[in-house]
Amino acid sequence: MPRGTSEVSEPMFFVLAALRAGPLHGHAISKSIKELSGGRVQPSVGTLYGILERLNDRGVITVDREELINGRNRRYFRITDEGRALVEAEARRMQAAASLVLRPAGP
């Protein structure tokens, strides 16, 4: 979702979809994105954290909690109600677009 728009990129969609299951930290989000997309979407660490920052700035995700694991800070993110509405609206939009192509062609 580029700043200032409601557009959702494919990696952003998968981040939001992953967080529907509950709060996750960055590595778990990355793993979930890979599983949900069948391995098609695999953002780099830098890209993933950029997406998380932008989604957090937009208020569609938020930091749920932070833990110190082996001396390293692990931040967990969760989807907000606004984020849930956004990812569900995007799924409906994609479904409607796909139905235009997948329905039988007329005479």
C-alpha atoms as a PDB file:
ATOM      1  CA  MET A   1       0.000   0.000   0.000  1.00  0.00           C
ATOM      2  CA  PRO A   2       1.963   2.992  -1.182  1.00  0.00           C
ATOM      3  CA  ARG A   3       1.777   5.925   1.211  1.00  0.00           C
ATOM      4  CA  GLY A   4      -1.334   8.038   0.776  1.00  0.00           C
ATOM      5  CA  THR A   5      -3.333   5.405  -1.136  1.00  0.00           C
ATOM      6  CA  SER A   6      -5.489   2.413  -0.335  1.00  0.00           C
ATOM      7  CA  GLU A   7      -3.715   0.252  -2.921  1.00  0.00           C
ATOM      8  CA  VAL A   8      -2.464  -3.075  -1.608  1.00  0.00           C
ATOM      9  CA  SER A   9       0.560  -4.730  -3.220  1.00  0.00           C
ATOM     10  CA  GLU A  10       0.738  -8.513  -3.352  1.00  0.00           C
ATOM     11  CA  PRO A  11       3.373  -8.763  -0.583  1.00  0.00           C
ATOM     12  CA  MET A  12       1.307  -6.402   1.613  1.00  0.00           C
ATOM     13  CA  PHE A  13      -1.782  -8.512   0.988  1.00  0.00           C
ATOM     14  CA  PHE A  14       0.069 -11.626   2.141  1.00  0.00           C
ATOM     15  CA  VAL A  15       1.429  -9.873   5.265  1.00  0.00           C
ATOM     16  CA  LEU A  16      -2.112  -8.887   6.237  1.00  0.00           C
ATOM     17  CA  ALA A  17      -3.413 -12.364   5.392  1.00  0.00           C
ATOM     18  CA  ALA A  18      -0.695 -13.963   7.546  1.00  0.00           C
ATOM     19  CA  LEU A  19      -1.580 -11.771  10.522  1.00  0.00           C
ATOM     20  CA  ARG A  20      -5.252 -12.795  10.400  1.00  0.00           C
ATOM     21  CA  ALA A  21      -4.211 -15.964  12.272  1.00  0.00           C
ATOM     22  CA  GLY A  22      -2.849 -13.928  15.196  1.00  0.00           C
ATOM     23  CA  PRO A  23       0.236 -11.943  16.225  1.00  0.00           C
ATOM     24  CA  LEU A  24       3.492 -13.014  14.559  1.00  0.00           C
ATOM     25  CA  HIS A  25       7.113 -11.854  14.543  1.00  0.00           C
ATOM     26  CA  GLY A  26       8.972 -11.022  11.338  1.00  0.00           C
ATOM     27  CA  HIS A  27      10.460 -14.463  10.651  1.00  0.00           C
ATOM     28  CA  ALA A  28       7.101 -16.161  11.258  1.00  0.00           C
ATOM     29  CA  ILE A  29       5.384 -13.637   8.963  1.00  0.00           C
ATOM     30  CA  SER A  30       7.942 -14.388   6.245  1.00  0.00           C
ATOM     31  CA  LYS A  31       7.396 -18.137   6.639  1.00  0.00           C
ATOM     32  CA  SER A  32       3.615 -17.714   6.547  1.00  0.00           C
ATOM     33  CA  ILE A  33       3.788 -15.540   3.406  1.00  0.00           C
ATOM     34  CA  LYS A  34       5.825 -18.231   1.664  1.00  0.00           C
ATOM     35  CA  GLU A  35       3.313 -20.923   2.686  1.00  0.00           C
ATOM     36  CA  LEU A  36       0.207 -18.863   1.821  1.00  0.00           C
ATOM     37  CA  SER A  37       1.579 -17.905  -1.609  1.00  0.00           C
ATOM     38  CA  GLY A  38       2.835 -21.385  -2.445  1.00  0.00           C
ATOM     39  CA  GLY A  39       6.387 -20.043  -2.469  1.00  0.00           C
ATOM     40  CA  ARG A  40       5.596 -17.388  -5.078  1.00  0.00           C
ATOM     41  CA  VAL A  41       6.005 -14.399  -2.733  1.00  0.00           C
ATOM     42  CA  GLN A  42       9.205 -14.286  -0.672  1.00  0.00           C
ATOM     43  CA  PRO A  43      10.103 -10.706   0.252  1.00  0.00           C
ATOM     44  CA  SER A  44      13.645 -10.076   1.435  1.00  0.00           C
ATOM     45  CA  VAL A  45      14.135  -9.174   5.101  1.00  0.00           C
ATOM     46  CA  GLY A  46      14.589  -5.505   4.201  1.00  0.00           C
ATOM     47  CA  THR A  47      11.475  -5.470   2.015  1.00  0.00           C
ATOM     48  CA  LEU A  48       9.421  -7.231   4.700  1.00  0.00           C
ATOM     49  CA  TYR A  49      10.386  -4.765   7.422  1.00  0.00           C
ATOM     50  CA  GLY A  50       9.692  -1.852   5.051  1.00  0.00           C
ATOM     51  CA  ILE A  51       6.224  -3.272   4.433  1.00  0.00           C
ATOM     52  CA  LEU A  52       5.652  -3.762   8.166  1.00  0.00           C
ATOM     53  CA  GLU A  53       6.669  -0.154   8.818  1.00  0.00           C
ATOM     54  CA  ARG A  54       4.337   1.192   6.122  1.00  0.00           C
ATOM     55  CA  LEU A  55       1.415  -0.956   7.291  1.00  0.00           C
ATOM     56  CA  ASN A  56       2.035   0.153  10.881  1.00  0.00           C
ATOM     57  CA  ASP A  57       2.163   3.815   9.786  1.00  0.00           C
ATOM     58  CA  ARG A  58      -1.215   3.329   8.069  1.00  0.00           C
ATOM     59  CA  GLY A  59      -2.736   1.800  11.198  1.00  0.00           C
ATOM     60  CA  VAL A  60      -3.629  -1.518   9.574  1.00  0.00           C
ATOM     61  CA  ILE A  61      -1.180  -3.412  11.786  1.00  0.00           C
ATOM     62  CA  THR A  62       0.268  -2.567  15.176  1.00  0.00           C
ATOM     63  CA  VAL A  63       2.975  -3.841  17.476  1.00  0.00           C
ATOM     64  CA  ASP A  64       1.395  -6.425  19.761  1.00  0.00           C
ATOM     65  CA  ARG A  65       4.376  -7.003  22.044  1.00  0.00           C
ATOM     66  CA  GLU A  66       8.139  -7.281  22.182  1.00  0.00           C
ATOM     67  CA  GLU A  67      10.239 -10.064  23.690  1.00  0.00           C
ATOM     68  CA  LEU A  68      13.930 -10.394  24.359  1.00  0.00           C
ATOM     69  CA  ILE A  69      15.100 -13.725  22.918  1.00  0.00           C
ATOM     70  CA  ASN A  70      18.801 -14.642  23.209  1.00  0.00           C
ATOM     71  CA  GLY A  71      19.684 -10.993  23.662  1.00  0.00           C
ATOM     72  CA  ARG A  72      17.733  -9.905  20.581  1.00  0.00           C
ATOM     73  CA  ASN A  73      14.495  -7.974  20.523  1.00  0.00           C
ATOM     74  CA  ARG A  74      11.642  -9.832  18.803  1.00  0.00           C
ATOM     75  CA  ARG A  75       8.684  -7.662  17.826  1.00  0.00           C
ATOM     76  CA  TYR A  76       5.277  -9.234  17.253  1.00  0.00           C
ATOM     77  CA  PHE A  77       2.734  -7.547  15.004  1.00  0.00           C
ATOM     78  CA  ARG A  78      -1.028  -7.953  14.886  1.00  0.00           C
ATOM     79  CA  ILE A  79      -3.649  -6.873  12.383  1.00  0.00           C
ATOM     80  CA  THR A  80      -6.063  -4.118  13.407  1.00  0.00           C
ATOM     81  CA  ASP A  81      -9.785  -4.026  12.637  1.00  0.00           C
ATOM     82  CA  GLU A  82      -8.981  -1.581   9.824  1.00  0.00           C
ATOM     83  CA  GLY A  83      -6.387  -4.001   8.465  1.00  0.00           C
ATOM     84  CA  ARG A  84      -8.804  -6.917   8.624  1.00  0.00           C
ATOM     85  CA  ALA A  85     -11.405  -4.872   6.701  1.00  0.00           C
ATOM     86  CA  LEU A  86      -8.760  -3.858   4.140  1.00  0.00           C
ATOM     87  CA  VAL A  87      -7.494  -7.381   3.433  1.00  0.00           C
ATOM     88  CA  GLU A  88     -11.046  -8.749   3.230  1.00  0.00           C
ATOM     89  CA  ALA A  89     -12.076  -5.957   0.816  1.00  0.00           C
ATOM     90  CA  GLU A  90      -8.994  -6.669  -1.309  1.00  0.00           C
ATOM     91  CA  ALA A  91      -9.830 -10.398  -1.354  1.00  0.00           C
ATOM     92  CA  ARG A  92     -13.382  -9.599  -2.508  1.00  0.00           C
ATOM     93  CA  ARG A  93     -12.009  -7.245  -5.199  1.00  0.00           C
ATOM     94  CA  MET A  94      -9.632  -9.937  -6.481  1.00  0.00           C
ATOM     95  CA  GLN A  95     -12.408 -12.547  -6.418  1.00  0.00           C
ATOM     96  CA  ALA A  96     -14.714 -10.276  -8.448  1.00  0.00           C
ATOM     97  CA  ALA A  97     -11.939  -9.553 -10.954  1.00  0.00           C
ATOM     98  CA  ALA A  98     -11.128 -13.254 -11.300  1.00  0.00           C
ATOM     99  CA  SER A  99     -14.793 -14.149 -11.832  1.00  0.00           C
ATOM    100  CA  LEU A 100     -14.858 -11.880 -14.907  1.00  0.00           C
ATOM    101  CA  VAL A 101     -12.136 -13.980 -16.511  1.00  0.00           C
ATOM    102  CA  LEU A 102     -13.180 -17.403 -15.246  1.00  0.00           C
ATOM    103  CA  ARG A 103     -16.872 -17.281 -16.121  1.00  0.00           C
ATOM    104  CA  PRO A 104     -17.927 -18.862 -19.395  1.00  0.00           C
ATOM    105  CA  ALA A 105     -17.596 -16.506 -22.342  1.00  0.00           C
ATOM    106  CA  GLY A 106     -20.817 -15.416 -24.012  1.00  0.00           C
ATOM    107  CA  PRO A 107     -21.673 -15.979 -27.674  1.00  0.00           C
END
